[in-house]
Amino acid sequence: MSSENAPQTVAAVDLGSNSFHLIVAQLSPGELKVMDRLKEMVRLAGGLRPDRTLDPEVREHALACLTRFGQRLSGLPDDRVRIVGTNTLRRVRRADDFLEQAESALGHPVEIVSGMEEARLIYLGVAHSLAVSPEDRRLVMDIGGGSTELIVGDGFTPRRMESLYMGCVSLTREHFPDGRITAKRFQSALTAARQELEPCGETFRELGWAEAVGASGTIRSAAKVLAAAGWTEGAITRSGLETLREALIKAGHVDKVDLKGLGADRAPVFVGGVAILLAALEELGMERMDAAEGALREGLLHDLVGRIRHEDVRETSVAALAERYHADAAQADRVAETARYLLEQAGPDWDMDPEWSGPYLRWAARLHEIGLDIAHSGYHKHGAYIADNADILGFTREEQDLLSALIRSHRRKFPSAPFKELPKRWSASARRLAVLLRLSVVLHRNRRPVPLPEMTLRAREDKLRLAFPDGWLEEHPLTRADLEEEANFLKAAGFTLKLE
């Protein structure tokens, strides 16, 4: 068997607000076979303090779990592992060093995904766990510890996604803080959940679906409890949940919830999850939901396989964003091609990995003018804001920060602040990518479809030497003036550009 077709080990880790999950699989042509699964209830959301730092005890528990996961991931290259954090890690203060410690324990980078990206990955995981056709329309729901995702899609393609600011841990913590369960408290939790669902309920109802499936531990636990008690025949129904609600109220306290099919580790936050689930059935007008096995971690694996096979959703997302904001595609292509050429020239001098840096430079080049659709004045700032705040599917929070920094810095004064917000492992490379993008933009400032001459760009630390054929700069005085102006901008940022 050729090395290209030899089985490869891939892994995904879901750092959820309630539990952490690790899945390891073997990828071979035409098959993704799960080899190992690890799960640990951490309840990260329960340890998030008002100042957005983590309780020391919860932090210690989480890092101990991640150290065990790291042992299983040891030896795998970074491009065969994806680790994502969701709602609670989105909220943890950036100055908190938990992420740095988590990456050290795991031996791999941790990515923070937006709620919409989380929804996309959940849908992908569920769709791959079911027998689907492109015509199948379904609603997928996932109740996490700190957020709840709703997605309607056809086949493997999500059509409408929402990430709601409620989860089984957060709702339990807010409405049952001392563990007591009463009819009044449950109704309060139910109303709060319905209020979160209300703004998107009509949109989802209008889309419609043939089946509804749930993807989380809360939903699977509810299905098991209902079936074990004989209240349903395996599915989740509204009448079954009503009966379950009365059983929880009768128990009176989360410590006294003793239901067949419910694990002891999930019982403390089960009441909040049931309230969300019942609210969803009521607000969306559903009578039934089935439990699915696929979830975020399976979606991560399939997304990783897509990247390995050069089927990266990020390419589609960038193209869609550029089209949405009417970016000049021809100009973007010219800038992207020159940026690629300059990276080939200077990248080895800077010891830059082209597999990592090439795509980000290309995407930034394709998006660098999206801010023009808002206003010409300061359009680089408008474009940076869009890249930083839009829901760009496939991208993590840090990746959008990187795109934003490159777009923000592609013209005028070279800013320092956007690069300080990036992960430390990216900051130096990101500044150098910005230099390459700036030079590409300057070289195409006349916007003409005229090929550039053969150039050479050499870099030594922060000193660059850009050489043209003899006499070319003299024949193009405007370009020379533009490059000399750019040299002054770069000098203020600590780079030296010499023209030859």
Protein backbone atom coordinates (compact mmCIF):
# COMPACT_ATOMS: atom_id res chain seq x y z
CA MET A 1 0.00 0.00 0.00
CA SER A 2 1.38 3.42 -0.93
CA SER A 3 2.05 5.90 1.85
CA GLU A 4 -0.68 8.12 0.36
CA ASN A 5 -3.26 5.37 0.83
CA ALA A 6 -1.94 4.05 4.15
CA PRO A 7 -4.32 4.44 7.11
CA GLN A 8 -3.82 7.67 9.08
CA THR A 9 -4.71 8.31 12.70
CA VAL A 10 -6.81 11.43 13.28
CA ALA A 11 -8.32 12.81 16.47
CA ALA A 12 -10.80 15.41 17.66
CA VAL A 13 -11.34 16.92 21.10
CA ASP A 14 -14.47 18.80 22.18
CA LEU A 15 -13.86 21.02 25.21
CA GLY A 16 -17.50 21.58 26.07
CA SER A 17 -19.00 23.62 28.87
CA ASN A 18 -20.23 20.47 30.62
CA SER A 19 -17.94 17.65 29.51
CA PHE A 20 -14.73 17.05 27.57
CA HIS A 21 -14.68 14.45 24.80
CA LEU A 22 -11.84 12.83 22.83
CA ILE A 23 -12.36 10.68 19.76
CA VAL A 24 -9.58 8.92 17.83
CA ALA A 25 -10.19 7.36 14.43
CA GLN A 26 -8.32 5.72 11.59
CA LEU A 27 -8.71 7.28 8.16
CA SER A 28 -8.28 5.06 5.13
CA PRO A 29 -9.65 5.43 1.59
CA GLY A 30 -13.43 5.42 1.81
CA GLU A 31 -13.64 4.80 5.57
CA LEU A 32 -13.35 6.61 8.89
CA LYS A 33 -13.19 4.02 11.66
CA VAL A 34 -13.45 5.11 15.31
CA MET A 35 -10.72 3.49 17.41
CA ASP A 36 -11.10 5.12 20.82
CA ARG A 37 -13.35 7.44 22.82
CA LEU A 38 -12.72 9.19 26.11
CA LYS A 39 -15.15 11.37 28.04
CA GLU A 40 -14.98 13.21 31.32
CA MET A 41 -17.56 15.40 33.05
CA VAL A 42 -15.75 18.63 33.93
CA ARG A 43 -18.57 21.20 34.21
CA LEU A 44 -16.39 24.07 33.09
CA ALA A 45 -19.40 26.40 32.92
CA GLY A 46 -20.09 25.81 36.61
CA GLY A 47 -16.60 27.04 37.43
CA LEU A 48 -16.79 30.30 35.49
CA ARG A 49 -16.73 33.14 38.01
CA PRO A 50 -18.32 36.60 37.55
CA ASP A 51 -14.93 38.09 36.59
CA ARG A 52 -14.75 35.50 33.76
CA THR A 53 -11.90 33.54 35.32
CA LEU A 54 -12.11 29.87 36.27
CA ASP A 55 -12.52 28.54 39.78
CA PRO A 56 -9.16 27.00 40.82
CA GLU A 57 -10.72 23.61 41.66
CA VAL A 58 -12.49 23.38 38.28
CA ARG A 59 -9.33 24.54 36.52
CA GLU A 60 -7.29 21.82 38.24
CA HIS A 61 -9.86 19.16 37.34
CA ALA A 62 -9.95 20.32 33.71
CA LEU A 63 -6.16 20.38 33.31
CA ALA A 64 -5.83 16.93 34.87
CA CYS A 65 -8.33 15.62 32.32
CA LEU A 66 -6.48 17.33 29.46
CA THR A 67 -3.19 15.84 30.62
CA ARG A 68 -4.75 12.38 30.25
CA PHE A 69 -6.07 13.32 26.81
CA GLY A 70 -2.60 14.62 25.91
CA GLN A 71 -1.08 11.22 26.62
CA ARG A 72 -3.48 9.67 24.08
CA LEU A 73 -2.68 12.36 21.50
CA SER A 74 1.07 12.13 21.97
CA GLY A 75 2.93 11.60 18.70
CA LEU A 76 0.14 12.81 16.42
CA PRO A 77 1.05 15.78 14.17
CA ASP A 78 -0.91 19.00 14.61
CA ASP A 79 -2.54 18.71 11.18
CA ARG A 80 -4.15 15.40 12.20
CA VAL A 81 -5.68 16.75 15.43
CA ARG A 82 -8.40 19.36 16.01
CA ILE A 83 -9.25 20.61 19.49
CA VAL A 84 -12.03 23.14 19.93
CA GLY A 85 -13.45 25.06 22.87
CA THR A 86 -17.07 26.20 22.92
CA ASN A 87 -19.27 28.52 24.96
CA THR A 88 -17.41 28.70 28.28
CA LEU A 89 -14.00 29.06 26.66
CA ARG A 90 -15.47 31.77 24.44
CA ARG A 91 -16.31 33.64 27.64
CA VAL A 92 -13.12 33.07 29.66
CA ARG A 93 -11.11 36.27 29.92
CA ARG A 94 -8.39 36.34 27.32
CA ALA A 95 -5.80 37.35 29.88
CA ASP A 96 -6.51 34.13 31.75
CA ASP A 97 -3.68 31.67 31.18
CA PHE A 98 -5.96 28.61 31.15
CA LEU A 99 -5.75 28.18 27.37
CA GLU A 100 -1.97 28.29 27.46
CA GLN A 101 -1.92 25.62 30.18
CA ALA A 102 -4.50 23.56 28.27
CA GLU A 103 -2.39 23.59 25.12
CA SER A 104 0.66 22.55 27.11
CA ALA A 105 -1.26 19.65 28.66
CA LEU A 106 -2.67 18.49 25.32
CA GLY A 107 0.47 19.05 23.27
CA HIS A 108 -1.63 20.67 20.51
CA PRO A 109 -3.26 24.07 19.83
CA VAL A 110 -6.77 24.77 21.11
CA GLU A 111 -9.18 26.58 18.77
CA ILE A 112 -12.13 28.61 20.06
CA VAL A 113 -15.12 28.37 17.72
CA SER A 114 -18.07 30.72 17.44
CA GLY A 115 -21.58 29.57 18.22
CA MET A 116 -22.42 29.40 14.51
CA GLU A 117 -19.33 27.35 13.71
CA GLU A 118 -20.19 25.07 16.62
CA ALA A 119 -23.66 24.63 15.10
CA ARG A 120 -22.19 23.76 11.69
CA LEU A 121 -19.88 21.14 13.16
CA ILE A 122 -22.71 19.62 15.21
CA TYR A 123 -24.89 19.34 12.13
CA LEU A 124 -22.04 17.73 10.19
CA GLY A 125 -21.51 15.15 12.94
CA VAL A 126 -25.21 14.29 13.18
CA ALA A 127 -25.72 14.09 9.41
CA HIS A 128 -22.82 11.65 9.07
CA SER A 129 -24.30 9.45 11.82
CA LEU A 130 -27.60 9.08 9.95
CA ALA A 131 -28.62 7.64 6.62
CA VAL A 132 -29.15 10.82 4.61
CA SER A 133 -29.89 11.93 1.09
CA PRO A 134 -29.57 15.48 -0.30
CA GLU A 135 -33.36 15.83 -0.13
CA ASP A 136 -33.66 14.93 3.56
CA ARG A 137 -34.54 18.01 5.63
CA ARG A 138 -34.07 17.73 9.36
CA LEU A 139 -33.83 19.86 12.46
CA VAL A 140 -30.87 19.16 14.72
CA MET A 141 -30.69 20.34 18.33
CA ASP A 142 -27.75 20.19 20.72
CA ILE A 143 -28.01 21.24 24.38
CA GLY A 144 -24.56 21.98 25.74
CA GLY A 145 -23.49 23.17 29.13
CA GLY A 146 -23.52 26.86 28.19
CA SER A 147 -25.22 27.13 24.81
CA THR A 148 -27.89 25.43 22.73
CA GLU A 149 -27.60 25.05 18.97
CA LEU A 150 -30.45 24.67 16.48
CA ILE A 151 -29.86 23.83 12.84
CA VAL A 152 -32.13 23.04 9.89
CA GLY A 153 -30.38 21.45 6.94
CA ASP A 154 -30.72 19.33 3.83
CA GLY A 155 -28.52 16.26 3.61
CA PHE A 156 -25.05 17.35 4.76
CA THR A 157 -25.69 21.07 4.18
CA PRO A 158 -26.94 23.34 7.00
CA ARG A 159 -29.45 25.95 5.84
CA ARG A 160 -30.26 27.89 9.00
CA MET A 161 -28.30 27.92 12.25
CA GLU A 162 -28.71 29.54 15.64
CA SER A 163 -26.61 29.41 18.78
CA LEU A 164 -28.60 30.39 21.86
CA TYR A 165 -27.16 31.70 25.11
CA MET A 166 -28.45 28.95 27.40
CA GLY A 167 -27.32 25.46 28.38
CA CYS A 168 -28.04 22.75 30.91
CA VAL A 169 -25.35 23.98 33.31
CA SER A 170 -26.11 27.70 33.04
CA LEU A 171 -29.91 27.29 33.26
CA THR A 172 -29.64 24.93 36.24
CA ARG A 173 -27.23 27.30 37.93
CA GLU A 174 -29.53 30.30 37.37
CA HIS A 175 -32.93 28.81 38.25
CA PHE A 176 -32.01 26.03 40.69
CA PRO A 177 -28.97 27.56 42.43
CA ASP A 178 -29.31 25.61 45.67
CA GLY A 179 -30.50 22.42 43.96
CA ARG A 180 -34.14 22.71 45.04
CA ILE A 181 -36.66 21.84 42.31
CA THR A 182 -40.15 23.31 42.60
CA ALA A 183 -42.98 23.78 40.12
CA LYS A 184 -42.49 27.55 40.26
CA ARG A 185 -38.75 27.32 39.59
CA PHE A 186 -39.23 24.88 36.73
CA GLN A 187 -41.82 27.18 35.14
CA SER A 188 -39.40 30.10 35.49
CA ALA A 189 -36.66 28.09 33.76
CA LEU A 190 -39.09 26.99 31.04
CA THR A 191 -40.19 30.57 30.39
CA ALA A 192 -36.58 31.79 30.24
CA ALA A 193 -35.74 29.08 27.70
CA ARG A 194 -38.78 29.93 25.58
CA GLN A 195 -37.75 33.59 25.62
CA GLU A 196 -34.37 32.62 24.15
CA LEU A 197 -36.08 30.52 21.49
CA GLU A 198 -38.78 33.04 20.62
CA PRO A 199 -36.83 35.28 18.17
CA CYS A 200 -35.89 32.35 15.90
CA GLY A 201 -38.93 30.12 16.38
CA GLU A 202 -41.03 31.45 13.51
CA THR A 203 -38.10 31.31 11.06
CA PHE A 204 -37.46 27.67 11.87
CA ARG A 205 -41.13 26.75 11.71
CA GLU A 206 -41.40 28.32 8.24
CA LEU A 207 -38.45 26.27 6.99
CA GLY A 208 -40.04 23.05 8.19
CA TRP A 209 -38.41 19.62 8.48
CA ALA A 210 -39.23 15.97 8.05
CA GLU A 211 -37.60 14.84 11.28
CA ALA A 212 -36.09 16.35 14.43
CA VAL A 213 -33.05 14.84 16.11
CA GLY A 214 -31.08 15.73 19.22
CA ALA A 215 -27.33 15.39 19.47
CA SER A 216 -26.27 16.03 23.06
CA GLY A 217 -25.78 13.99 26.21
CA THR A 218 -28.78 15.74 27.76
CA ILE A 219 -31.04 14.68 24.90
CA ARG A 220 -29.75 11.12 24.80
CA SER A 221 -30.18 10.87 28.58
CA ALA A 222 -33.76 12.15 28.33
CA ALA A 223 -34.55 9.54 25.69
CA LYS A 224 -33.12 6.76 27.88
CA VAL A 225 -35.03 7.94 30.96
CA LEU A 226 -38.33 8.18 29.09
CA ALA A 227 -37.90 4.72 27.57
CA ALA A 228 -36.75 3.12 30.83
CA ALA A 229 -39.80 4.48 32.67
CA GLY A 230 -42.13 3.33 29.91
CA TRP A 231 -43.29 6.89 29.26
CA THR A 232 -42.37 6.61 25.56
CA GLU A 233 -41.21 3.89 23.19
CA GLY A 234 -37.74 5.36 22.71
CA ALA A 235 -38.39 8.78 21.18
CA ILE A 236 -38.68 12.04 23.10
CA THR A 237 -42.24 13.33 23.14
CA ARG A 238 -43.85 16.39 24.61
CA SER A 239 -46.18 14.31 26.77
CA GLY A 240 -43.24 12.23 27.96
CA LEU A 241 -41.32 15.37 28.95
CA GLU A 242 -44.34 16.66 30.83
CA THR A 243 -44.35 13.45 32.86
CA LEU A 244 -40.60 13.76 33.40
CA ARG A 245 -41.05 17.32 34.62
CA GLU A 246 -43.48 16.13 37.31
CA ALA A 247 -41.02 13.41 38.36
CA LEU A 248 -38.24 15.99 38.76
CA ILE A 249 -40.49 18.30 40.78
CA LYS A 250 -41.53 15.36 42.96
CA ALA A 251 -37.84 14.55 43.62
CA GLY A 252 -37.54 18.07 45.02
CA HIS A 253 -33.76 18.40 44.78
CA VAL A 254 -31.09 17.61 42.19
CA ASP A 255 -29.37 15.34 44.72
CA LYS A 256 -32.53 13.24 44.97
CA VAL A 257 -33.06 12.79 41.24
CA ASP A 258 -32.83 9.03 40.82
CA LEU A 259 -34.07 7.97 37.41
CA LYS A 260 -33.27 4.77 35.57
CA GLY A 261 -31.17 5.58 32.51
CA LEU A 262 -29.72 8.77 33.98
CA GLY A 263 -26.02 8.75 34.86
CA ALA A 264 -24.97 10.12 38.22
CA ASP A 265 -22.59 12.59 36.54
CA ARG A 266 -25.40 14.17 34.52
CA ALA A 267 -28.08 14.27 37.24
CA PRO A 268 -26.96 17.59 38.81
CA VAL A 269 -27.66 19.57 35.60
CA PHE A 270 -30.39 17.39 34.10
CA VAL A 271 -33.28 19.59 35.24
CA GLY A 272 -31.98 22.59 33.28
CA GLY A 273 -31.53 20.44 30.19
CA VAL A 274 -35.07 19.07 30.44
CA ALA A 275 -36.46 22.60 30.73
CA ILE A 276 -34.64 23.62 27.53
CA LEU A 277 -35.77 20.50 25.72
CA LEU A 278 -39.42 20.94 26.69
CA ALA A 279 -39.26 24.65 25.78
CA ALA A 280 -37.93 23.77 22.32
CA LEU A 281 -40.74 21.30 21.64
CA GLU A 282 -43.32 23.84 22.79
CA GLU A 283 -41.87 26.86 21.00
CA LEU A 284 -41.16 25.05 17.73
CA GLY A 285 -44.45 23.18 17.72
CA MET A 286 -42.91 19.70 17.86
CA GLU A 287 -44.44 16.57 19.33
CA ARG A 288 -41.45 14.27 18.86
CA MET A 289 -37.65 14.24 18.69
CA ASP A 290 -35.26 11.31 18.20
CA ALA A 291 -31.80 11.04 19.76
CA ALA A 292 -28.77 10.78 17.46
CA GLU A 293 -25.27 9.51 18.22
CA GLY A 294 -23.27 12.02 16.17
CA ALA A 295 -22.24 15.33 17.75
CA LEU A 296 -19.62 18.09 17.64
CA ARG A 297 -16.61 15.78 17.96
CA GLU A 298 -17.74 13.59 15.04
CA GLY A 299 -18.34 16.76 13.02
CA LEU A 300 -14.80 17.88 13.85
CA LEU A 301 -13.41 14.60 12.55
CA HIS A 302 -15.30 14.85 9.27
CA ASP A 303 -14.29 18.49 8.86
CA LEU A 304 -10.67 17.53 9.50
CA VAL A 305 -10.92 14.78 6.88
CA GLY A 306 -12.27 17.38 4.44
CA ARG A 307 -9.21 19.56 5.02
CA ILE A 308 -6.88 16.60 4.59
CA ARG A 309 -8.58 15.86 1.26
CA HIS A 310 -8.48 19.54 0.22
CA GLU A 311 -12.22 20.06 0.68
CA ASP A 312 -11.98 23.03 3.03
CA VAL A 313 -15.21 24.87 3.83
CA ARG A 314 -13.14 27.96 4.60
CA GLU A 315 -12.47 28.44 0.89
CA THR A 316 -16.21 28.55 0.19
CA SER A 317 -16.81 30.91 3.11
CA VAL A 318 -14.18 33.40 1.93
CA ALA A 319 -15.60 33.37 -1.61
CA ALA A 320 -19.11 33.96 -0.26
CA LEU A 321 -17.96 36.87 1.96
CA ALA A 322 -16.07 38.50 -0.91
CA GLU A 323 -19.13 38.23 -3.13
CA ARG A 324 -21.45 39.53 -0.42
CA TYR A 325 -19.39 42.72 -0.06
CA HIS A 326 -18.80 43.11 -3.81
CA ALA A 327 -15.02 42.84 -3.67
CA ASP A 328 -13.28 43.32 -7.02
CA ALA A 329 -12.45 39.69 -7.82
CA ALA A 330 -9.91 40.49 -10.54
CA GLN A 331 -7.96 42.85 -8.29
CA ALA A 332 -8.13 40.38 -5.41
CA ASP A 333 -6.75 37.64 -7.67
CA ARG A 334 -3.86 39.83 -8.76
CA VAL A 335 -2.96 40.72 -5.19
CA ALA A 336 -3.33 37.09 -4.04
CA GLU A 337 -1.07 35.79 -6.83
CA THR A 338 1.67 38.33 -6.11
CA ALA A 339 1.39 37.64 -2.37
CA ARG A 340 1.84 33.93 -3.08
CA TYR A 341 4.92 34.69 -5.19
CA LEU A 342 6.46 36.89 -2.50
CA LEU A 343 5.79 34.23 0.13
CA GLU A 344 7.63 31.69 -2.03
CA GLN A 345 10.54 34.15 -2.21
CA ALA A 346 10.79 35.27 1.41
CA GLY A 347 9.05 32.43 3.25
CA PRO A 348 12.12 30.15 3.44
CA ASP A 349 14.25 33.05 4.75
CA TRP A 350 11.68 33.57 7.50
CA ASP A 351 11.25 29.84 8.13
CA MET A 352 7.51 30.13 7.45
CA ASP A 353 5.44 27.01 6.90
CA PRO A 354 3.71 27.51 3.51
CA GLU A 355 0.99 24.98 4.39
CA TRP A 356 -0.06 27.22 7.28
CA SER A 357 0.76 30.72 6.03
CA GLY A 358 -0.24 30.34 2.37
CA PRO A 359 -4.02 29.96 2.92
CA TYR A 360 -4.29 32.86 5.39
CA LEU A 361 -2.35 35.16 3.07
CA ARG A 362 -4.54 34.12 0.14
CA TRP A 363 -7.78 34.59 2.09
CA ALA A 364 -6.70 38.00 3.38
CA ALA A 365 -5.81 39.07 -0.18
CA ARG A 366 -9.25 38.01 -1.42
CA LEU A 367 -10.96 39.94 1.38
CA HIS A 368 -8.72 42.99 1.76
CA GLU A 369 -11.16 45.32 -0.04
CA ILE A 370 -14.48 44.17 1.42
CA GLY A 371 -14.64 47.35 3.50
CA LEU A 372 -15.07 49.42 0.32
CA ASP A 373 -18.70 48.32 0.26
CA ILE A 374 -19.21 50.44 3.39
CA ALA A 375 -17.04 53.48 2.67
CA HIS A 376 -13.80 54.33 0.90
CA SER A 377 -12.46 56.35 3.79
CA GLY A 378 -10.83 53.96 6.24
CA TYR A 379 -12.05 50.94 4.28
CA HIS A 380 -9.28 48.77 5.72
CA LYS A 381 -10.77 49.39 9.17
CA HIS A 382 -14.28 48.56 7.95
CA GLY A 383 -13.00 45.36 6.34
CA ALA A 384 -11.21 44.35 9.53
CA TYR A 385 -14.41 44.86 11.52
CA ILE A 386 -16.36 42.66 9.11
CA ALA A 387 -13.75 39.89 9.21
CA ASP A 388 -13.64 40.02 12.99
CA ASN A 389 -17.39 40.02 13.62
CA ALA A 390 -19.03 38.14 10.75
CA ASP A 391 -20.00 34.48 11.07
CA ILE A 392 -17.44 32.97 8.68
CA LEU A 393 -18.07 29.24 8.66
CA GLY A 394 -15.04 27.01 9.11
CA PHE A 395 -12.98 29.66 10.90
CA THR A 396 -12.14 29.73 14.57
CA ARG A 397 -12.19 32.87 16.69
CA GLU A 398 -8.39 33.17 16.46
CA GLU A 399 -8.41 32.63 12.69
CA GLN A 400 -10.88 35.45 12.23
CA ASP A 401 -8.70 37.64 14.43
CA LEU A 402 -5.77 36.84 12.13
CA LEU A 403 -7.74 37.68 8.98
CA SER A 404 -8.91 40.90 10.61
CA ALA A 405 -5.35 41.88 11.58
CA LEU A 406 -4.07 41.31 8.04
CA ILE A 407 -6.92 43.28 6.46
CA ARG A 408 -6.57 46.10 9.00
CA SER A 409 -2.83 46.42 8.34
CA HIS A 410 -2.74 46.13 4.54
CA ARG A 411 -2.45 49.90 3.96
CA ARG A 412 -1.49 53.17 5.61
CA LYS A 413 0.08 53.07 9.09
CA PHE A 414 1.14 49.62 10.23
CA PRO A 415 -0.85 49.00 13.46
CA SER A 416 0.51 46.97 16.35
CA ALA A 417 -2.62 46.41 18.46
CA PRO A 418 -4.34 43.75 16.27
CA PHE A 419 -1.27 41.52 16.38
CA LYS A 420 -1.05 41.67 20.17
CA GLU A 421 -4.47 40.00 20.32
CA LEU A 422 -3.27 36.94 18.39
CA PRO A 423 -1.94 33.72 19.93
CA LYS A 424 1.74 34.10 20.76
CA ARG A 425 2.69 31.33 18.35
CA TRP A 426 1.27 33.38 15.46
CA SER A 427 2.27 36.95 16.26
CA ALA A 428 5.67 37.11 14.49
CA SER A 429 4.50 35.20 11.42
CA ALA A 430 1.33 37.27 11.20
CA ARG A 431 3.29 40.54 11.08
CA ARG A 432 5.43 39.13 8.27
CA LEU A 433 2.36 38.00 6.35
CA ALA A 434 1.05 41.55 6.71
CA VAL A 435 4.24 42.88 5.13
CA LEU A 436 3.85 40.55 2.14
CA LEU A 437 0.22 41.57 1.71
CA ARG A 438 1.11 45.27 1.92
CA LEU A 439 3.79 44.91 -0.75
CA SER A 440 1.39 43.03 -3.02
CA VAL A 441 -1.27 45.73 -2.63
CA VAL A 442 1.25 48.49 -3.39
CA LEU A 443 2.53 46.69 -6.50
CA HIS A 444 -1.02 46.52 -7.84
CA ARG A 445 -2.12 49.98 -6.81
CA ASN A 446 -2.71 50.99 -10.46
CA ARG A 447 -5.24 48.09 -10.70
CA ARG A 448 -4.09 47.30 -14.24
CA PRO A 449 -4.07 43.71 -15.55
CA VAL A 450 -0.43 44.07 -16.57
CA PRO A 451 2.04 41.35 -15.46
CA LEU A 452 4.71 42.42 -13.01
CA PRO A 453 8.37 41.81 -13.82
CA GLU A 454 10.46 39.04 -12.33
CA MET A 455 11.26 40.22 -8.80
CA THR A 456 13.28 38.77 -5.96
CA LEU A 457 12.44 39.36 -2.30
CA ARG A 458 14.95 38.37 0.32
CA ALA A 459 14.42 38.65 4.07
CA ARG A 460 16.77 38.53 6.99
CA GLU A 461 14.98 38.97 10.27
CA ASP A 462 13.12 42.29 9.79
CA LYS A 463 15.24 43.52 6.87
CA LEU A 464 13.89 43.05 3.33
CA ARG A 465 15.54 43.53 -0.06
CA LEU A 466 13.19 43.81 -3.07
CA ALA A 467 15.01 43.69 -6.41
CA PHE A 468 13.62 44.43 -9.88
CA PRO A 469 15.17 44.04 -13.37
CA ASP A 470 17.60 46.81 -14.31
CA GLY A 471 15.81 50.01 -15.20
CA TRP A 472 12.30 48.83 -14.32
CA LEU A 473 11.81 51.15 -11.35
CA GLU A 474 13.03 54.11 -13.42
CA GLU A 475 10.45 53.23 -16.09
CA HIS A 476 7.70 53.07 -13.43
CA PRO A 477 8.25 56.15 -11.24
CA LEU A 478 4.79 56.00 -9.59
CA THR A 479 5.37 52.44 -8.41
CA ARG A 480 8.79 53.46 -7.12
CA ALA A 481 7.23 56.36 -5.22
CA ASP A 482 4.57 54.05 -3.78
CA LEU A 483 7.23 51.57 -2.64
CA GLU A 484 9.35 54.31 -1.08
CA GLU A 485 6.30 55.56 0.82
CA GLU A 486 5.66 51.97 1.93
CA ALA A 487 9.26 51.71 3.14
CA ASN A 488 8.58 54.62 5.49
CA PHE A 489 5.43 52.97 6.84
CA LEU A 490 7.36 49.74 7.41
CA LYS A 491 10.25 51.54 9.07
CA ALA A 492 7.87 52.90 11.71
CA ALA A 493 6.81 49.29 12.37
CA GLY A 494 10.38 48.03 12.76
CA PHE A 495 10.96 46.68 9.23
CA THR A 496 13.58 47.87 6.77
CA LEU A 497 12.75 47.71 3.03
CA LYS A 498 15.51 48.31 0.50
CA LEU A 499 14.71 48.65 -3.22
CA GLU A 500 17.12 47.60 -5.97
